[in-house]
Protein backbone atom coordinates (compact mmCIF):
# COMPACT_ATOMS: atom_id res chain seq x y z
CA MET A 1 -82.46 7.73 -7.42
CA ASP A 2 -81.79 4.94 -9.89
CA ASP A 3 -78.44 5.12 -11.77
CA ALA A 4 -80.25 5.15 -15.11
CA THR A 5 -82.23 8.30 -14.29
CA GLU A 6 -79.67 10.09 -12.11
CA PRO A 7 -78.62 13.35 -13.81
CA ILE A 8 -74.96 13.88 -14.67
CA HIS A 9 -73.33 16.28 -12.25
CA VAL A 10 -71.70 19.29 -13.85
CA ALA A 11 -68.43 20.10 -12.08
CA PRO A 12 -68.04 23.62 -10.79
CA GLU A 13 -65.35 25.64 -12.50
CA PRO A 14 -62.09 25.62 -10.49
CA ALA A 15 -61.58 28.53 -8.16
CA SER A 16 -59.16 31.27 -9.08
CA GLY A 17 -56.72 29.74 -6.57
CA PHE A 18 -56.20 26.79 -8.91
CA GLU A 19 -53.50 28.64 -10.83
CA ALA A 20 -51.62 29.21 -7.56
CA LEU A 21 -51.98 25.50 -6.72
CA LEU A 22 -50.69 24.53 -10.17
CA TRP A 23 -47.68 26.83 -9.82
CA ASP A 24 -46.93 25.51 -6.33
CA LEU A 25 -47.07 21.90 -7.58
CA PHE A 26 -44.78 22.79 -10.46
CA LEU A 27 -42.18 24.30 -8.14
CA ARG A 28 -42.33 21.39 -5.70
CA LEU A 29 -42.14 18.67 -8.31
CA MET A 30 -39.38 20.37 -10.27
CA ASP A 31 -37.12 20.76 -7.22
CA VAL A 32 -37.91 17.65 -5.20
CA PRO A 33 -34.97 15.33 -4.28
CA GLY A 34 -35.03 11.90 -5.87
CA ASP A 35 -35.92 10.11 -2.62
CA ARG A 36 -38.96 12.39 -2.14
CA VAL A 37 -40.51 12.12 -5.61
CA GLU A 38 -42.95 9.34 -4.67
CA ALA A 39 -44.31 11.21 -1.62
CA GLU A 40 -44.61 14.50 -3.53
CA ILE A 41 -46.54 12.87 -6.39
CA LEU A 42 -49.03 11.31 -3.96
CA ASP A 43 -49.40 14.61 -2.09
CA ALA A 44 -50.01 16.43 -5.39
CA GLN A 45 -52.75 13.92 -6.25
CA ARG A 46 -54.36 14.49 -2.84
CA ARG A 47 -54.33 18.28 -3.21
CA LEU A 48 -55.73 18.13 -6.75
CA CYS A 49 -58.56 15.76 -5.79
CA ARG A 50 -59.58 18.05 -2.93
CA ALA A 51 -59.30 21.24 -4.97
CA LEU A 52 -61.32 19.83 -7.90
CA ASP A 53 -63.80 17.76 -5.88
CA ILE A 54 -62.66 14.47 -7.44
CA ASP A 55 -62.79 11.07 -5.72
CA ARG A 56 -59.74 9.30 -7.11
CA SER A 57 -56.51 10.01 -8.97
CA THR A 58 -54.28 7.36 -10.55
CA LEU A 59 -50.87 7.70 -12.14
CA TRP A 60 -49.83 5.11 -14.72
CA GLN A 61 -46.35 4.89 -16.23
CA VAL A 62 -44.92 3.12 -19.28
CA PRO A 63 -42.74 0.31 -17.83
CA PRO A 64 -39.17 0.06 -19.15
CA ASP A 65 -39.74 -3.55 -20.19
CA ASP A 66 -42.97 -3.00 -22.20
CA ALA A 67 -43.43 0.19 -24.21
CA GLY A 68 -46.91 -0.91 -25.29
CA SER A 69 -48.48 -0.89 -21.84
CA LEU A 70 -49.17 1.27 -18.80
CA ARG A 71 -48.50 0.21 -15.22
CA ILE A 72 -50.09 1.73 -12.12
CA THR A 73 -47.52 3.39 -9.83
CA HIS A 74 -49.49 5.90 -7.68
CA MET A 75 -53.12 5.98 -6.53
CA TYR A 76 -55.04 8.30 -4.20
CA ASP A 77 -58.64 7.85 -2.94
CA VAL A 78 -60.41 10.71 -1.12
CA GLU A 79 -62.83 8.46 0.76
CA HIS A 80 -59.97 6.68 2.47
CA ASP A 81 -57.65 9.63 3.05
CA ARG A 82 -57.20 8.68 6.67
CA LEU A 83 -55.73 5.31 5.71
CA PRO A 84 -51.94 5.08 5.42
CA SER A 85 -50.44 4.63 1.99
CA VAL A 86 -49.45 1.10 1.07
CA SER A 87 -46.89 -0.25 -1.36
CA ILE A 88 -47.92 -2.89 -3.87
CA ASP A 89 -45.02 -4.18 -5.95
CA GLY A 90 -43.31 -0.77 -5.86
CA SER A 91 -46.56 1.26 -6.21
CA VAL A 92 -47.82 3.87 -3.72
CA MET A 93 -51.57 3.76 -3.08
CA HIS A 94 -54.36 4.92 -0.77
CA GLY A 95 -57.85 3.69 -0.08
CA SER A 96 -60.34 1.18 -1.44
CA ALA A 97 -58.59 0.69 -4.77
CA SER A 98 -55.35 -0.22 -3.00
CA GLU A 99 -57.20 -2.66 -0.75
CA PHE A 100 -58.85 -4.17 -3.82
CA LEU A 101 -55.55 -4.60 -5.69
CA ALA A 102 -53.84 -6.04 -2.61
CA SER A 103 -56.55 -8.56 -1.72
CA ASP A 104 -57.95 -9.77 -5.07
CA ASP A 105 -55.86 -12.70 -6.33
CA SER A 106 -57.35 -12.34 -9.82
CA VAL A 107 -55.68 -8.97 -10.29
CA PRO A 108 -52.17 -9.16 -11.82
CA LYS A 109 -49.41 -8.08 -9.46
CA HIS A 110 -48.18 -5.32 -11.78
CA ALA A 111 -51.70 -3.92 -12.49
CA GLU A 112 -51.19 -3.39 -16.22
CA ALA A 113 -53.66 -0.90 -17.76
CA SER A 114 -53.96 -3.02 -20.90
CA ASP A 115 -55.32 -5.87 -18.76
CA TYR A 116 -58.28 -3.72 -17.68
CA PHE A 117 -58.63 -0.89 -20.20
CA PRO A 118 -57.31 -1.99 -23.62
CA TRP A 119 -59.38 0.55 -25.57
CA VAL A 120 -58.39 3.47 -23.33
CA THR A 121 -54.75 2.34 -23.24
CA ARG A 122 -54.44 2.36 -27.04
CA ARG A 123 -55.77 5.93 -27.24
CA LEU A 124 -53.56 7.21 -24.43
CA LEU A 125 -50.40 5.70 -25.90
CA ALA A 126 -51.34 7.41 -29.16
CA GLY A 127 -51.26 10.75 -27.30
CA GLU A 128 -55.06 11.26 -27.02
CA THR A 129 -56.97 12.50 -23.97
CA VAL A 130 -59.90 10.27 -22.96
CA ALA A 131 -62.87 11.83 -21.13
CA ILE A 132 -65.80 9.62 -20.10
CA ALA A 133 -68.79 11.32 -18.47
CA ASP A 134 -71.26 8.44 -18.84
CA LEU A 135 -70.17 4.79 -18.92
CA ASP A 136 -73.19 3.87 -21.02
CA GLY A 137 -71.85 6.08 -23.78
CA LEU A 138 -68.77 3.90 -24.39
CA PRO A 139 -68.57 2.21 -27.82
CA ALA A 140 -68.98 -1.55 -28.23
CA GLU A 141 -65.23 -2.04 -28.75
CA ALA A 142 -64.69 -0.74 -25.17
CA ALA A 143 -66.67 -3.60 -23.56
CA ALA A 144 -63.64 -4.79 -21.55
CA ASP A 145 -62.96 -1.24 -20.35
CA LEU A 146 -66.60 -0.84 -19.29
CA ALA A 147 -66.49 -4.04 -17.21
CA ALA A 148 -63.27 -2.96 -15.48
CA LEU A 149 -64.55 0.57 -14.75
CA ARG A 150 -67.66 -0.85 -13.09
CA ARG A 151 -65.53 -3.35 -11.20
CA PHE A 152 -63.47 -0.47 -9.77
CA GLY A 153 -66.66 1.47 -8.91
CA THR A 154 -65.89 4.27 -11.41
CA ARG A 155 -68.78 6.51 -12.56
CA SER A 156 -66.87 9.05 -14.68
CA THR A 157 -63.21 9.43 -15.56
CA VAL A 158 -60.78 11.51 -17.57
CA ALA A 159 -57.26 10.32 -18.51
CA VAL A 160 -54.55 12.56 -19.94
CA PRO A 161 -51.31 11.26 -21.49
CA LEU A 162 -48.02 12.38 -19.93
CA GLN A 163 -45.74 13.42 -22.78
CA ALA A 164 -42.16 14.66 -22.77
CA HIS A 165 -39.56 14.88 -25.52
CA GLY A 166 -42.04 13.48 -28.05
CA ALA A 167 -42.72 10.27 -26.09
CA VAL A 168 -45.60 9.13 -23.88
CA LEU A 169 -44.26 8.43 -20.38
CA GLY A 170 -47.59 7.44 -18.86
CA CYS A 171 -50.99 8.94 -18.05
CA LEU A 172 -52.74 10.77 -15.20
CA SER A 173 -56.38 9.89 -14.60
CA PHE A 174 -59.09 11.39 -12.38
CA ALA A 175 -62.30 9.56 -11.54
CA THR A 176 -65.52 9.96 -9.59
CA THR A 177 -67.10 7.08 -7.68
CA ARG A 178 -70.05 8.78 -5.91
CA ARG A 179 -71.81 10.16 -9.00
CA ALA A 180 -71.33 10.66 -12.70
CA ARG A 181 -69.75 13.92 -13.79
CA GLN A 182 -69.53 16.06 -16.91
CA TRP A 183 -66.01 17.19 -17.88
CA SER A 184 -66.02 20.66 -19.40
CA GLY A 185 -63.53 21.62 -22.09
CA GLU A 186 -61.90 24.16 -19.78
CA LEU A 187 -61.47 21.56 -17.03
CA VAL A 188 -59.94 19.05 -19.46
CA THR A 189 -57.50 21.77 -20.55
CA ARG A 190 -56.50 22.28 -16.93
CA PHE A 191 -55.97 18.52 -16.56
CA GLU A 192 -53.65 18.67 -19.55
CA LEU A 193 -51.68 21.47 -17.85
CA ILE A 194 -51.42 19.33 -14.73
CA ALA A 195 -50.25 16.40 -16.87
CA GLN A 196 -47.44 18.56 -18.25
CA VAL A 197 -46.24 19.26 -14.70
CA PHE A 198 -46.24 15.54 -13.84
CA ALA A 199 -44.59 14.64 -17.16
CA LYS A 200 -41.76 17.11 -16.58
CA ALA A 201 -41.21 15.76 -13.06
CA LEU A 202 -41.12 12.16 -14.29
CA ALA A 203 -38.85 13.05 -17.22
CA ARG A 204 -36.50 14.84 -14.84
CA ARG A 205 -36.41 11.83 -12.54
CA GLN A 206 -35.74 9.47 -15.46
CA THR A 207 -32.91 11.74 -16.63
CA GLU A 208 -31.41 11.74 -13.14
CA GLU A 209 -31.65 7.94 -12.96
CA GLN A 210 -30.00 7.58 -16.37
CA LEU A 211 -27.31 10.04 -15.30
CA ARG A 212 -26.66 8.09 -12.10
CA ALA A 213 -26.48 4.87 -14.10
CA ALA A 214 -24.08 6.49 -16.58
CA VAL A 215 -21.92 7.80 -13.74
CA GLY A 216 -21.90 4.32 -12.21
CA ASP A 217 -20.86 2.78 -15.54
CA LEU A 218 -18.19 5.45 -15.94
CA GLN A 219 -16.85 4.74 -12.44
CA ARG A 220 -16.77 1.01 -13.13
CA LEU A 221 -14.95 1.66 -16.40
CA LYS A 222 -12.54 3.98 -14.60
CA ASP A 223 -11.85 1.33 -11.95
CA ARG A 224 -11.30 -1.29 -14.62
CA LEU A 225 -8.92 0.95 -16.58
CA HIS A 226 -7.04 1.69 -13.37
CA HIS A 227 -6.61 -2.01 -12.63
CA GLU A 228 -5.60 -2.68 -16.22
CA ASN A 229 -3.01 0.12 -16.14
CA VAL A 230 -1.55 -1.19 -12.90
CA TYR A 231 -1.45 -4.70 -14.32
CA LEU A 232 0.07 -3.49 -17.60
CA ARG A 233 2.78 -1.58 -15.74
CA ASP A 234 3.63 -4.76 -13.85
CA GLU A 235 3.72 -6.68 -17.14
CA ILE A 236 6.07 -4.15 -18.71
CA ARG A 237 8.35 -4.28 -15.68
CA ASP A 238 8.36 -8.10 -15.70
CA ARG A 239 9.05 -8.28 -19.42
CA GLN A 240 12.09 -6.03 -19.71
CA ASN A 241 14.38 -7.60 -22.33
CA PRO A 242 12.36 -10.83 -22.56
CA MET A 243 14.06 -14.03 -23.73
CA GLN A 244 12.51 -15.27 -26.98
CA ILE A 245 11.61 -18.90 -27.57
CA ALA A 246 14.96 -20.04 -28.92
CA GLY A 247 15.72 -23.34 -30.59
CA THR A 248 15.58 -25.29 -33.83
CA SER A 249 15.06 -28.85 -32.60
CA ALA A 250 12.33 -31.05 -34.06
CA ALA A 251 10.65 -31.30 -30.63
CA LEU A 252 10.41 -27.52 -30.30
CA ARG A 253 9.25 -27.07 -33.92
CA ARG A 254 6.36 -29.48 -33.29
CA THR A 255 5.34 -27.45 -30.26
CA LEU A 256 5.53 -24.15 -32.14
CA ASP A 257 3.50 -25.62 -35.01
CA LEU A 258 0.70 -26.41 -32.54
CA VAL A 259 0.96 -22.89 -31.10
CA GLY A 260 0.54 -21.41 -34.58
CA GLN A 261 -2.52 -23.59 -35.25
CA VAL A 262 -4.43 -22.80 -32.05
CA ALA A 263 -3.46 -19.16 -31.46
CA PRO A 264 -5.92 -17.53 -33.95
CA THR A 265 -8.84 -19.48 -32.49
CA GLY A 266 -10.59 -18.94 -29.18
CA ALA A 267 -10.08 -22.52 -28.02
CA THR A 268 -9.04 -23.34 -24.48
CA VAL A 269 -5.42 -24.52 -24.31
CA LEU A 270 -3.82 -26.81 -21.73
CA LEU A 271 -0.02 -26.57 -21.54
CA LEU A 272 1.67 -29.65 -20.08
CA GLY A 273 5.29 -30.05 -19.15
CA GLU A 274 7.85 -30.19 -16.39
CA THR A 275 8.65 -27.18 -14.28
CA GLY A 276 10.82 -24.63 -16.04
CA THR A 277 9.99 -25.67 -19.61
CA GLY A 278 8.66 -22.22 -20.54
CA LYS A 279 4.90 -22.70 -20.26
CA GLU A 280 4.32 -19.02 -19.45
CA ARG A 281 6.41 -17.98 -22.46
CA VAL A 282 4.37 -20.25 -24.75
CA ALA A 283 1.11 -18.91 -23.28
CA ALA A 284 2.31 -15.37 -24.03
CA ALA A 285 3.15 -16.42 -27.60
CA ILE A 286 -0.37 -17.85 -28.08
CA HIS A 287 -1.88 -14.61 -26.80
CA GLU A 288 0.36 -12.40 -28.97
CA LEU A 289 -0.61 -14.37 -32.08
CA SER A 290 -4.35 -14.17 -31.26
CA PRO A 291 -6.96 -11.49 -32.10
CA ARG A 292 -6.92 -10.55 -28.38
CA ARG A 293 -3.33 -9.27 -28.42
CA SER A 294 -4.45 -5.58 -28.19
CA ARG A 295 -5.15 -6.14 -24.47
CA PRO A 296 -2.71 -7.55 -21.90
CA MET A 297 -2.82 -11.21 -20.95
CA VAL A 298 -3.76 -11.65 -17.29
CA LYS A 299 -1.65 -14.17 -15.33
CA VAL A 300 -2.62 -16.10 -12.22
CA ASN A 301 -0.36 -18.55 -10.37
CA CYS A 302 -2.89 -20.84 -8.69
CA ALA A 303 -0.20 -22.34 -6.44
CA ALA A 304 1.06 -18.99 -5.15
CA ILE A 305 -2.30 -17.75 -3.78
CA PRO A 306 -3.67 -19.16 -0.49
CA GLY A 307 -6.74 -21.33 -0.91
CA THR A 308 -8.80 -18.93 1.21
CA LEU A 309 -8.08 -16.05 -1.15
CA ILE A 310 -7.97 -17.68 -4.58
CA GLU A 311 -11.73 -17.30 -5.22
CA SER A 312 -11.79 -13.56 -4.52
CA GLU A 313 -8.57 -13.17 -6.54
CA LEU A 314 -10.11 -14.88 -9.57
CA PHE A 315 -13.68 -13.59 -9.37
CA GLY A 316 -13.47 -10.47 -7.19
CA ARG A 317 -15.41 -9.48 -4.12
CA GLU A 318 -17.79 -6.80 -2.92
CA LYS A 319 -17.00 -4.56 0.03
CA GLY A 320 -17.99 -6.38 3.22
CA ALA A 321 -18.15 -9.81 1.51
CA TYR A 322 -16.29 -11.22 4.51
CA THR A 323 -14.47 -9.97 7.58
CA GLY A 324 -11.57 -7.82 6.47
CA ALA A 325 -12.97 -7.08 3.01
CA LEU A 326 -12.83 -3.32 3.44
CA THR A 327 -12.90 -2.45 -0.26
CA ARG A 328 -14.34 -3.80 -3.46
CA GLN A 329 -11.87 -5.92 -5.47
CA THR A 330 -11.95 -6.51 -9.21
CA GLY A 331 -11.28 -10.16 -10.04
CA ARG A 332 -8.80 -11.41 -12.62
CA PHE A 333 -11.59 -12.79 -14.83
CA ASP A 334 -13.28 -9.38 -14.86
CA LEU A 335 -9.93 -7.79 -15.68
CA ALA A 336 -9.34 -10.29 -18.51
CA ASN A 337 -12.71 -9.63 -20.19
CA GLY A 338 -12.04 -9.46 -23.92
CA SER A 339 -8.52 -10.84 -23.43
CA THR A 340 -6.73 -14.01 -22.27
CA ILE A 341 -6.25 -15.37 -18.75
CA PHE A 342 -3.30 -17.67 -18.03
CA LEU A 343 -3.98 -20.04 -15.13
CA ASP A 344 -0.56 -21.42 -14.19
CA GLU A 345 -0.27 -24.42 -11.86
CA ILE A 346 -3.96 -25.24 -12.46
CA GLY A 347 -3.45 -28.60 -10.74
CA ASP A 348 -3.10 -26.78 -7.40
CA LEU A 349 -6.51 -25.09 -7.65
CA PRO A 350 -8.73 -26.00 -4.65
CA VAL A 351 -11.63 -28.31 -5.48
CA GLU A 352 -14.21 -25.71 -4.34
CA THR A 353 -12.79 -23.13 -6.75
CA GLN A 354 -12.64 -25.73 -9.53
CA THR A 355 -16.45 -25.87 -9.41
CA LYS A 356 -16.80 -22.14 -9.97
CA LEU A 357 -14.17 -22.18 -12.72
CA LEU A 358 -16.11 -24.94 -14.48
CA ARG A 359 -19.20 -22.72 -14.48
CA VAL A 360 -17.25 -19.82 -15.98
CA ILE A 361 -16.01 -22.05 -18.79
CA GLU A 362 -19.50 -23.43 -19.48
CA THR A 363 -21.62 -20.26 -19.14
CA ARG A 364 -19.06 -17.41 -19.32
CA GLU A 365 -20.66 -16.04 -16.14
CA PHE A 366 -19.60 -15.72 -12.50
CA GLU A 367 -20.56 -13.82 -9.35
CA ARG A 368 -18.30 -11.74 -7.16
CA LEU A 369 -18.11 -12.83 -3.53
CA GLY A 370 -20.87 -11.02 -1.67
CA SER A 371 -22.98 -10.32 -4.79
CA PRO A 372 -25.75 -12.46 -6.35
CA ASN A 373 -25.59 -10.60 -9.67
CA PRO A 374 -24.00 -12.61 -12.51
CA ILE A 375 -21.24 -10.99 -14.58
CA HIS A 376 -20.82 -12.06 -18.20
CA VAL A 377 -17.26 -12.19 -19.55
CA ASP A 378 -15.57 -13.09 -22.82
CA VAL A 379 -12.28 -14.63 -21.72
CA ARG A 380 -9.96 -17.09 -23.42
CA ILE A 381 -8.43 -19.56 -20.97
CA ILE A 382 -4.90 -20.96 -21.18
CA ALA A 383 -4.09 -23.33 -18.33
CA ALA A 384 -0.76 -24.93 -17.45
CA THR A 385 0.47 -27.61 -15.09
CA ASN A 386 3.49 -29.79 -14.39
CA LYS A 387 1.30 -32.35 -12.65
CA ASP A 388 -0.35 -35.49 -14.00
CA LEU A 389 -3.98 -34.34 -14.10
CA THR A 390 -5.30 -37.76 -15.07
CA LEU A 391 -3.77 -39.15 -11.87
CA ALA A 392 -5.22 -36.23 -9.91
CA VAL A 393 -8.65 -37.03 -11.37
CA ARG A 394 -8.35 -40.68 -10.32
CA GLU A 395 -7.32 -39.64 -6.81
CA GLY A 396 -10.25 -37.17 -6.53
CA ARG A 397 -8.03 -34.07 -6.33
CA PHE A 398 -9.19 -32.66 -9.66
CA ARG A 399 -12.67 -32.61 -11.17
CA GLU A 400 -13.01 -34.88 -14.18
CA ASP A 401 -15.50 -32.58 -15.94
CA LEU A 402 -13.15 -29.61 -15.48
CA PHE A 403 -10.25 -31.63 -16.88
CA PHE A 404 -12.24 -32.41 -20.03
CA ARG A 405 -13.20 -28.72 -20.39
CA LEU A 406 -9.55 -27.66 -20.14
CA ASN A 407 -8.16 -30.46 -22.28
CA VAL A 408 -9.60 -29.07 -25.54
CA PHE A 409 -6.19 -28.46 -27.14
CA PRO A 410 -3.34 -29.92 -25.06
CA ILE A 411 0.23 -28.95 -25.92
CA ARG A 412 3.09 -30.83 -24.29
CA LEU A 413 6.28 -28.79 -23.92
CA PRO A 414 9.43 -30.88 -24.33
CA ALA A 415 11.88 -31.03 -21.45
CA LEU A 416 15.29 -29.49 -22.03
CA ARG A 417 16.99 -32.90 -22.01
CA GLU A 418 14.72 -33.87 -24.95
CA ARG A 419 16.19 -31.11 -27.13
CA PRO A 420 19.91 -30.88 -26.23
CA GLU A 421 20.69 -29.34 -29.64
CA ASP A 422 18.83 -26.19 -28.49
CA ILE A 423 20.93 -25.73 -25.34
CA PRO A 424 23.77 -23.69 -26.96
CA LEU A 425 21.24 -21.25 -28.49
CA LEU A 426 19.38 -20.92 -25.20
CA ALA A 427 22.57 -20.42 -23.21
CA MET A 428 23.81 -17.64 -25.53
CA ALA A 429 20.38 -15.95 -25.49
CA ILE A 430 20.54 -15.89 -21.69
CA VAL A 431 24.13 -14.53 -21.78
CA ASP A 432 23.04 -11.71 -24.14
CA GLU A 433 20.00 -10.86 -22.01
CA LEU A 434 21.76 -10.85 -18.64
CA GLY A 435 24.94 -9.25 -19.96
CA ALA A 436 23.14 -5.96 -20.70
CA SER A 437 21.73 -5.70 -17.18
CA MET A 438 24.94 -6.90 -15.46
CA GLY A 439 27.26 -4.75 -17.53
CA ARG A 440 29.35 -7.79 -18.52
CA GLN A 441 30.06 -9.13 -21.98
CA PHE A 442 31.20 -12.61 -23.04
CA ASP A 443 32.22 -13.51 -26.55
CA ALA A 444 31.58 -17.23 -26.24
CA ILE A 445 30.94 -20.20 -23.98
CA SER A 446 33.85 -22.61 -23.62
CA ARG A 447 33.60 -25.81 -25.64
CA ALA A 448 33.91 -27.99 -22.54
CA SER A 449 31.09 -26.07 -20.88
CA LEU A 450 28.75 -26.52 -23.89
CA LEU A 451 29.43 -30.25 -23.97
CA ALA A 452 28.72 -30.52 -20.26
CA LEU A 453 25.51 -28.50 -20.65
CA GLN A 454 24.24 -30.89 -23.31
CA GLN A 455 24.99 -33.97 -21.22
CA TYR A 456 23.40 -32.67 -18.03
CA ASP A 457 19.92 -33.91 -17.03
CA TRP A 458 18.35 -30.46 -16.33
CA PRO A 459 15.64 -31.44 -13.83
CA GLY A 460 14.83 -27.73 -13.55
CA ASN A 461 14.87 -27.28 -17.35
CA ILE A 462 15.26 -23.72 -18.77
CA ARG A 463 14.82 -22.10 -15.36
CA GLU A 464 17.72 -24.11 -13.99
CA LEU A 465 19.80 -23.37 -17.10
CA ARG A 466 19.24 -19.67 -16.57
CA ASN A 467 20.38 -19.89 -12.94
CA VAL A 468 23.50 -21.87 -13.89
CA VAL A 469 24.46 -19.40 -16.63
CA GLU A 470 23.86 -16.38 -14.39
CA ARG A 471 26.03 -17.87 -11.64
CA ALA A 472 28.80 -18.55 -14.16
CA MET A 473 28.63 -14.97 -15.47
CA ILE A 474 29.28 -13.70 -11.95
CA THR A 475 32.24 -15.97 -11.26
CA THR A 476 33.96 -16.10 -14.68
CA ASP A 477 36.84 -13.78 -15.58
CA GLY A 478 37.77 -13.42 -19.22
CA PRO A 479 35.92 -13.34 -22.56
CA ALA A 480 34.90 -17.05 -22.60
CA LEU A 481 32.27 -18.21 -20.15
CA ASN A 482 33.15 -21.26 -18.05
CA ILE A 483 30.11 -22.96 -16.57
CA GLU A 484 30.24 -25.23 -13.52
CA LEU A 485 27.29 -27.60 -13.32
CA PRO A 486 25.52 -28.77 -10.13
CA SER A 487 26.65 -32.00 -8.49
CA THR A 488 23.50 -33.88 -9.48
CA PRO A 489 24.47 -37.04 -11.40
CA VAL A 490 24.77 -36.53 -15.16
CA ARG A 491 22.48 -38.56 -17.40
CA ARG A 492 24.13 -40.84 -19.87
CA PRO A 493 23.50 -39.90 -23.52
CA GLY A 494 20.74 -41.96 -25.07
CA SER A 495 19.16 -43.01 -21.77
CA ALA A 496 15.38 -42.75 -21.46
CA PRO A 497 13.90 -39.64 -19.81
CA LEU A 498 13.09 -40.05 -16.13
CA SER A 499 9.79 -39.19 -14.50
CA LEU A 500 9.58 -36.31 -12.03
CA LYS A 501 9.30 -38.79 -9.15
CA ALA A 502 12.43 -40.63 -10.31
CA LEU A 503 14.34 -37.36 -10.67
CA GLU A 504 13.28 -36.32 -7.17
CA ARG A 505 14.40 -39.69 -5.80
CA GLU A 506 17.81 -39.37 -7.48
CA HIS A 507 18.31 -35.87 -6.10
CA VAL A 508 17.30 -36.73 -2.53
CA LEU A 509 19.47 -39.87 -2.64
CA ALA A 510 22.47 -37.88 -3.89
CA VAL A 511 22.16 -35.33 -1.06
CA LEU A 512 21.82 -38.12 1.56
CA GLN A 513 24.94 -39.81 0.24
CA GLN A 514 26.76 -36.46 0.28
CA THR A 515 25.91 -35.94 3.98
CA GLY A 516 26.68 -39.52 4.98
CA TRP A 517 22.96 -40.16 5.53
CA ARG A 518 22.80 -37.49 8.22
CA ILE A 519 19.29 -35.98 8.18
CA ARG A 520 19.27 -33.55 11.12
CA GLY A 521 21.73 -30.90 12.22
CA PRO A 522 23.34 -27.90 10.51
CA ARG A 523 25.10 -30.14 7.99
CA GLY A 524 22.25 -32.59 7.54
CA ALA A 525 20.37 -33.34 4.33
CA ALA A 526 17.21 -31.58 5.57
CA VAL A 527 19.04 -28.24 5.72
CA LEU A 528 20.58 -28.70 2.27
CA LEU A 529 17.21 -29.58 0.77
CA GLY A 530 15.40 -26.78 2.62
CA LEU A 531 12.95 -29.18 4.30
CA PRO A 532 11.98 -29.90 7.92
CA PRO A 533 13.54 -33.20 9.04
CA THR A 534 10.16 -34.88 9.55
CA THR A 535 9.07 -33.85 6.06
CA LEU A 536 12.26 -35.28 4.57
CA GLU A 537 11.75 -38.57 6.44
CA ASN A 538 8.17 -38.82 5.14
CA ARG A 539 9.35 -38.06 1.62
CA MET A 540 12.05 -40.73 1.88
CA THR A 541 9.37 -43.26 2.81
CA ARG A 542 7.20 -42.17 -0.12
CA LEU A 543 10.12 -42.39 -2.56
CA GLY A 544 11.24 -45.77 -1.24
CA ILE A 545 14.60 -44.51 0.12
CA ALA A 546 16.13 -46.28 3.13
CA ARG A 547 19.60 -46.10 4.65
CA PRO A 548 21.77 -49.07 3.66
CA GLY A 549 21.18 -51.91 6.08
CA LYS A 550 17.87 -50.50 7.25
CA LYS A 551 14.52 -51.85 6.07
CA LEU A 552 11.68 -49.62 4.95
CA PRO A 553 8.75 -49.42 7.38
């Protein structure tokens, strides 16, 4: 019989067992584990199609990324029940429709309802039920829907919105492909009851997924707080009775003026200066004067961490990222999110890690080892070095682009010999700090000792001064502290500051002269300097030191 004259089939009323089927579906869908939801939905569609003599059932859901559309997620086709279900971009389907969606390149991968049925989609998202018994009865504005229905081989269809908590989650549609069909009011009401069961199941699954996500976020926050607490406890322990930045010299005032200018900003700071000049103390002062002071500053000594571990230390790692990575590790950048990270000895950072650090500075993103997911952080960077980074750039040991990124606001810290007028204040501050912990008290430092302190070269700067004062506090008896300086030659007042290489050469030469140029043995220069003999010989060659009467190689 021709389609135009074929009578519309009137569906038989559902059997009395339909209520039992509906109740069974409700119980199964309400209690199904999360990993079984997909299979239970497809099985429910199969049982409903068989019970109601319907050819096809399709479940559409509102995607999380587009509230104005519907996306197909489950499809069942009676005529192809024997075929296995297939997955298309996360959807579970049976039969001819699934074969059509999988094979036709003109069909979008996500199978958006609005691409095929814009008229029907608008009504469903508005909370209306759409029942179509005869395709020829569709209005002119549904021309696109009519073409798509015929393309899918649909003769009649009914679509019911899935609503929960006042929102449309998707729709459940039933269709016939063998003949047109009339949908009675009672049958449509039953479809709406079925839709409520599906809507409750989907809402429950969404709630579970949101709960799992919230629990995951809570666990990540808990882990972060744990790491922060551990780090803060270490900071408190390390900062018991901290020595303040003491001094009134013009050189120090210039440095502190720069600190006061840059601290309130978020600019990257590069601290330059010899070892022991107090770069970490200045970094802490910048952090404490910044808007980020409510959270602890995170410190990393790039020279103290092996090159094989520095990347995971800075950026973290996932469990199993490499052999021996038995647990997940939070990186220092993750820990410093919203705060400041102090990268000490930045000149010793391996070149491979320099590349990743450059990306963090440019994009504020990084990935943990073993994870492709980017992590966005808001971290202020303060770097420090006692090396000549421009020389390292020329020699290829430091990336030029990274140097320019770090060199936004350079601050050079003066060496101790450049501010001798500050030495008495520093020495007394150290005496007061150490006296409390040592249980010893000194009223003053002898005049001769202060004069000697101001004339000494201080290659180790404040760190060396601290060691000298502490040693004197142990050996001195009486109220006035007498300080004995190291045997390194004293600089003459007014002489120009020496470079680090020149200071190293002077020190090595002094030790060689002290040992009578003996390098090896228990009383040799190598033992006194704490170096292997071969290393000392190589260093002598590099520094241009040769025994009198012997030519350099």
